[in-house]
Amino acid sequence: MLPNATFIVQGLAFFAVAWLVMKFGWPHIIAAIEERQQKIAEGLAAADNSQKALAQAQEKVNEELKLARTKANEIIDQAHQRANQIIDAAKNDAITEGSRQKALAESEIAAATTRAREDLRKHVSALAVTGAEKLLRREIDAGAHKALLDELAAEI
């Protein structure tokens, strides 16, 4: 065979195979490539959506943390205020109780002072009677002169 004829037959065979591949194989290959491109594009879109969702979730978490911190600070402030109120109430109760005990002690002191003065008056009047008795060298009847002794005790 002639080299040119072989070349022509090989060229015709090449074009026939190329035409068959273009007619029957190429659409399947292009479809597979397009399907693969679509899956890659969907994967990239899903990754972008996931990144956006992650960023939104992170922002939401940060906002929730901020709200939680704010609420915790409010609770702490309320606890401090309540503690101060309890302390003030305890101070007021202590002051009231101290004033009550002081008044009770003062009334007991006043009563003891009055009793001591009465006892002192009785002793002074007894001494006055004894002294007068010695001066007069006679006995004074305490029962008969009670009004006089009481008046004397009141003056002392």
C-alpha atoms as a PDB file:
ATOM      1  CA  MET A   1       0.000   0.000   0.000  1.00  0.00           C
ATOM      2  CA  LEU A   2       0.897   3.431  -0.598  1.00  0.00           C
ATOM      3  CA  PRO A   3       1.858   5.537   2.335  1.00  0.00           C
ATOM      4  CA  ASN A   4      -0.536   8.196   1.209  1.00  0.00           C
ATOM      5  CA  ALA A   5      -3.456   5.790   0.990  1.00  0.00           C
ATOM      6  CA  THR A   6      -2.715   4.483   4.476  1.00  0.00           C
ATOM      7  CA  PHE A   7      -2.561   8.000   5.640  1.00  0.00           C
ATOM      8  CA  ILE A   8      -5.942   8.748   4.079  1.00  0.00           C
ATOM      9  CA  VAL A   9      -7.533   5.552   5.486  1.00  0.00           C
ATOM     10  CA  GLN A  10      -6.102   6.318   8.904  1.00  0.00           C
ATOM     11  CA  GLY A  11      -7.399   9.883   8.653  1.00  0.00           C
ATOM     12  CA  LEU A  12     -10.848   8.628   7.622  1.00  0.00           C
ATOM     13  CA  ALA A  13     -10.803   6.112  10.503  1.00  0.00           C
ATOM     14  CA  PHE A  14      -9.711   8.864  12.903  1.00  0.00           C
ATOM     15  CA  PHE A  15     -12.497  11.182  11.771  1.00  0.00           C
ATOM     16  CA  ALA A  16     -15.010   8.304  11.982  1.00  0.00           C
ATOM     17  CA  VAL A  17     -13.959   7.476  15.526  1.00  0.00           C
ATOM     18  CA  ALA A  18     -13.899  11.175  16.408  1.00  0.00           C
ATOM     19  CA  TRP A  19     -17.373  11.600  14.921  1.00  0.00           C
ATOM     20  CA  LEU A  20     -18.684   8.546  16.884  1.00  0.00           C
ATOM     21  CA  VAL A  21     -17.095   9.795  20.092  1.00  0.00           C
ATOM     22  CA  MET A  22     -18.518  13.285  19.492  1.00  0.00           C
ATOM     23  CA  LYS A  23     -21.955  11.874  18.677  1.00  0.00           C
ATOM     24  CA  PHE A  24     -22.328   9.233  21.427  1.00  0.00           C
ATOM     25  CA  GLY A  25     -19.558   9.637  24.018  1.00  0.00           C
ATOM     26  CA  TRP A  26     -19.083  13.374  24.211  1.00  0.00           C
ATOM     27  CA  PRO A  27     -22.569  14.192  25.583  1.00  0.00           C
ATOM     28  CA  HIS A  28     -22.066  11.684  28.408  1.00  0.00           C
ATOM     29  CA  ILE A  29     -18.637  13.088  29.217  1.00  0.00           C
ATOM     30  CA  ILE A  30     -19.932  16.680  29.104  1.00  0.00           C
ATOM     31  CA  ALA A  31     -22.926  15.688  31.274  1.00  0.00           C
ATOM     32  CA  ALA A  32     -20.602  14.046  33.828  1.00  0.00           C
ATOM     33  CA  ILE A  33     -18.339  17.105  33.809  1.00  0.00           C
ATOM     34  CA  GLU A  34     -21.322  19.451  34.231  1.00  0.00           C
ATOM     35  CA  GLU A  35     -22.748  17.256  37.006  1.00  0.00           C
ATOM     36  CA  ARG A  36     -19.374  17.302  38.744  1.00  0.00           C
ATOM     37  CA  GLN A  37     -19.171  21.106  38.336  1.00  0.00           C
ATOM     38  CA  GLN A  38     -22.691  21.449  39.762  1.00  0.00           C
ATOM     39  CA  LYS A  39     -21.817  19.254  42.778  1.00  0.00           C
ATOM     40  CA  ILE A  40     -18.646  21.289  43.357  1.00  0.00           C
ATOM     41  CA  ALA A  41     -20.638  24.548  43.077  1.00  0.00           C
ATOM     42  CA  GLU A  42     -23.270  23.198  45.499  1.00  0.00           C
ATOM     43  CA  GLY A  43     -20.513  22.115  47.888  1.00  0.00           C
ATOM     44  CA  LEU A  44     -18.914  25.571  47.728  1.00  0.00           C
ATOM     45  CA  ALA A  45     -22.301  27.240  48.235  1.00  0.00           C
ATOM     46  CA  ALA A  46     -23.002  24.950  51.190  1.00  0.00           C
ATOM     47  CA  ALA A  47     -19.578  25.776  52.625  1.00  0.00           C
ATOM     48  CA  ASP A  48     -20.292  29.514  52.208  1.00  0.00           C
ATOM     49  CA  ASN A  49     -23.712  29.090  53.814  1.00  0.00           C
ATOM     50  CA  SER A  50     -22.118  27.115  56.627  1.00  0.00           C
ATOM     51  CA  GLN A  51     -19.542  29.871  57.142  1.00  0.00           C
ATOM     52  CA  LYS A  52     -22.309  32.480  57.219  1.00  0.00           C
ATOM     53  CA  ALA A  53     -24.390  30.355  59.606  1.00  0.00           C
ATOM     54  CA  LEU A  54     -21.341  29.849  61.812  1.00  0.00           C
ATOM     55  CA  ALA A  55     -20.670  33.591  61.855  1.00  0.00           C
ATOM     56  CA  GLN A  56     -24.335  34.288  62.699  1.00  0.00           C
ATOM     57  CA  ALA A  57     -24.280  31.627  65.410  1.00  0.00           C
ATOM     58  CA  GLN A  58     -21.094  33.119  66.834  1.00  0.00           C
ATOM     59  CA  GLU A  59     -22.677  36.586  66.861  1.00  0.00           C
ATOM     60  CA  LYS A  60     -25.765  35.171  68.553  1.00  0.00           C
ATOM     61  CA  VAL A  61     -23.615  33.398  71.126  1.00  0.00           C
ATOM     62  CA  ASN A  62     -21.727  36.643  71.794  1.00  0.00           C
ATOM     63  CA  GLU A  63     -25.012  38.530  72.198  1.00  0.00           C
ATOM     64  CA  GLU A  64     -26.371  35.863  74.556  1.00  0.00           C
ATOM     65  CA  LEU A  65     -23.153  35.967  76.570  1.00  0.00           C
ATOM     66  CA  LYS A  66     -23.393  39.742  76.747  1.00  0.00           C
ATOM     67  CA  LEU A  67     -27.014  39.509  77.908  1.00  0.00           C
ATOM     68  CA  ALA A  68     -26.080  36.837  80.435  1.00  0.00           C
ATOM     69  CA  ARG A  69     -23.248  38.977  81.795  1.00  0.00           C
ATOM     70  CA  THR A  70     -25.563  41.974  82.005  1.00  0.00           C
ATOM     71  CA  LYS A  71     -28.192  39.926  83.803  1.00  0.00           C
ATOM     72  CA  ALA A  72     -25.558  38.453  86.134  1.00  0.00           C
ATOM     73  CA  ASN A  73     -24.318  41.961  86.955  1.00  0.00           C
ATOM     74  CA  GLU A  74     -27.902  43.057  87.643  1.00  0.00           C
ATOM     75  CA  ILE A  75     -28.408  40.071  89.937  1.00  0.00           C
ATOM     76  CA  ILE A  76     -25.142  40.843  91.723  1.00  0.00           C
ATOM     77  CA  ASP A  77     -26.161  44.495  92.123  1.00  0.00           C
ATOM     78  CA  GLN A  78     -29.550  43.430  93.472  1.00  0.00           C
ATOM     79  CA  ALA A  79     -27.827  41.056  95.883  1.00  0.00           C
ATOM     80  CA  HIS A  80     -25.547  43.863  97.078  1.00  0.00           C
ATOM     81  CA  GLN A  81     -28.532  46.161  97.520  1.00  0.00           C
ATOM     82  CA  ARG A  82     -30.421  43.459  99.429  1.00  0.00           C
ATOM     83  CA  ALA A  83     -27.358  42.794 101.585  1.00  0.00           C
ATOM     84  CA  ASN A  84     -27.082  46.513 102.347  1.00  0.00           C
ATOM     85  CA  GLN A  85     -30.794  46.602 103.206  1.00  0.00           C
ATOM     86  CA  ILE A  86     -30.378  43.618 105.519  1.00  0.00           C
ATOM     87  CA  ILE A  87     -27.355  45.253 107.143  1.00  0.00           C
ATOM     88  CA  ASP A  88     -29.236  48.541 107.566  1.00  0.00           C
ATOM     89  CA  ALA A  89     -32.233  46.703 108.997  1.00  0.00           C
ATOM     90  CA  ALA A  90     -29.957  44.819 111.394  1.00  0.00           C
ATOM     91  CA  LYS A  91     -28.300  48.100 112.422  1.00  0.00           C
ATOM     92  CA  ASN A  92     -31.682  49.724 113.000  1.00  0.00           C
ATOM     93  CA  ASP A  93     -32.858  46.686 114.987  1.00  0.00           C
ATOM     94  CA  ALA A  94     -29.651  46.782 117.020  1.00  0.00           C
ATOM     95  CA  ILE A  95     -30.061  50.511 117.659  1.00  0.00           C
ATOM     96  CA  THR A  96     -33.698  50.000 118.652  1.00  0.00           C
ATOM     97  CA  GLU A  97     -32.810  47.088 120.927  1.00  0.00           C
ATOM     98  CA  GLY A  98     -29.916  49.083 122.407  1.00  0.00           C
ATOM     99  CA  SER A  99     -32.210  52.045 123.059  1.00  0.00           C
ATOM    100  CA  ARG A 100     -34.797  49.743 124.639  1.00  0.00           C
ATOM    101  CA  GLN A 101     -32.188  48.104 126.858  1.00  0.00           C
ATOM    102  CA  LYS A 102     -30.752  51.511 127.744  1.00  0.00           C
ATOM    103  CA  ALA A 103     -34.188  52.797 128.698  1.00  0.00           C
ATOM    104  CA  LEU A 104     -34.800  49.644 130.740  1.00  0.00           C
ATOM    105  CA  ALA A 105     -31.438  50.051 132.476  1.00  0.00           C
ATOM    106  CA  GLU A 106     -32.117  53.738 133.130  1.00  0.00           C
ATOM    107  CA  SER A 107     -35.500  52.908 134.639  1.00  0.00           C
ATOM    108  CA  GLU A 108     -33.867  50.217 136.802  1.00  0.00           C
ATOM    109  CA  ILE A 109     -31.196  52.724 137.851  1.00  0.00           C
ATOM    110  CA  ALA A 110     -33.870  55.306 138.650  1.00  0.00           C
ATOM    111  CA  ALA A 111     -35.821  52.721 140.679  1.00  0.00           C
ATOM    112  CA  ALA A 112     -32.642  51.646 142.503  1.00  0.00           C
ATOM    113  CA  THR A 113     -31.797  55.304 143.158  1.00  0.00           C
ATOM    114  CA  THR A 114     -35.273  55.911 144.545  1.00  0.00           C
ATOM    115  CA  ARG A 115     -35.024  52.820 146.758  1.00  0.00           C
ATOM    116  CA  ALA A 116     -31.572  53.894 147.940  1.00  0.00           C
ATOM    117  CA  ARG A 117     -32.899  57.392 148.743  1.00  0.00           C
ATOM    118  CA  GLU A 118     -35.818  55.898 150.656  1.00  0.00           C
ATOM    119  CA  ASP A 119     -33.479  53.606 152.560  1.00  0.00           C
ATOM    120  CA  LEU A 120     -31.187  56.559 153.239  1.00  0.00           C
ATOM    121  CA  ARG A 121     -34.135  58.654 154.468  1.00  0.00           C
ATOM    122  CA  LYS A 122     -35.193  55.841 156.776  1.00  0.00           C
ATOM    123  CA  HIS A 123     -31.669  55.554 158.141  1.00  0.00           C
ATOM    124  CA  VAL A 124     -31.347  59.319 158.505  1.00  0.00           C
ATOM    125  CA  SER A 125     -34.715  59.530 160.234  1.00  0.00           C
ATOM    126  CA  ALA A 126     -33.733  56.624 162.515  1.00  0.00           C
ATOM    127  CA  LEU A 127     -30.465  58.414 163.263  1.00  0.00           C
ATOM    128  CA  ALA A 128     -32.326  61.660 163.836  1.00  0.00           C
ATOM    129  CA  VAL A 129     -34.695  59.920 166.203  1.00  0.00           C
ATOM    130  CA  THR A 130     -31.809  58.263 167.991  1.00  0.00           C
ATOM    131  CA  GLY A 131     -29.974  61.555 168.194  1.00  0.00           C
ATOM    132  CA  ALA A 132     -33.049  63.399 169.423  1.00  0.00           C
ATOM    133  CA  GLU A 133     -33.696  60.653 171.933  1.00  0.00           C
ATOM    134  CA  LYS A 134     -30.193  61.019 173.277  1.00  0.00           C
ATOM    135  CA  LEU A 135     -30.584  64.756 173.397  1.00  0.00           C
ATOM    136  CA  LEU A 136     -33.841  64.644 175.185  1.00  0.00           C
ATOM    137  CA  ARG A 137     -32.831  61.656 177.223  1.00  0.00           C
ATOM    138  CA  ARG A 138     -36.088  60.135 176.778  1.00  0.00           C
ATOM    139  CA  GLU A 139     -37.641  57.792 174.292  1.00  0.00           C
ATOM    140  CA  ILE A 140     -39.684  59.063 171.399  1.00  0.00           C
ATOM    141  CA  ASP A 141     -42.469  56.790 170.249  1.00  0.00           C
ATOM    142  CA  ALA A 142     -41.874  56.172 166.536  1.00  0.00           C
ATOM    143  CA  GLY A 143     -45.474  55.040 165.968  1.00  0.00           C
ATOM    144  CA  ALA A 144     -46.931  58.107 167.628  1.00  0.00           C
ATOM    145  CA  HIS A 145     -44.701  60.492 165.781  1.00  0.00           C
ATOM    146  CA  LYS A 146     -44.803  58.775 162.381  1.00  0.00           C
ATOM    147  CA  ALA A 147     -46.179  61.839 160.533  1.00  0.00           C
ATOM    148  CA  LEU A 148     -43.423  63.963 162.013  1.00  0.00           C
ATOM    149  CA  LEU A 149     -40.776  61.378 160.998  1.00  0.00           C
ATOM    150  CA  ASP A 150     -42.167  61.143 157.454  1.00  0.00           C
ATOM    151  CA  GLU A 151     -42.074  64.906 157.105  1.00  0.00           C
ATOM    152  CA  LEU A 152     -38.512  64.898 158.362  1.00  0.00           C
ATOM    153  CA  ALA A 153     -37.573  62.148 155.884  1.00  0.00           C
ATOM    154  CA  ALA A 154     -39.168  64.115 153.009  1.00  0.00           C
ATOM    155  CA  GLU A 155     -37.135  67.181 153.859  1.00  0.00           C
ATOM    156  CA  ILE A 156     -33.909  65.188 153.909  1.00  0.00           C
END
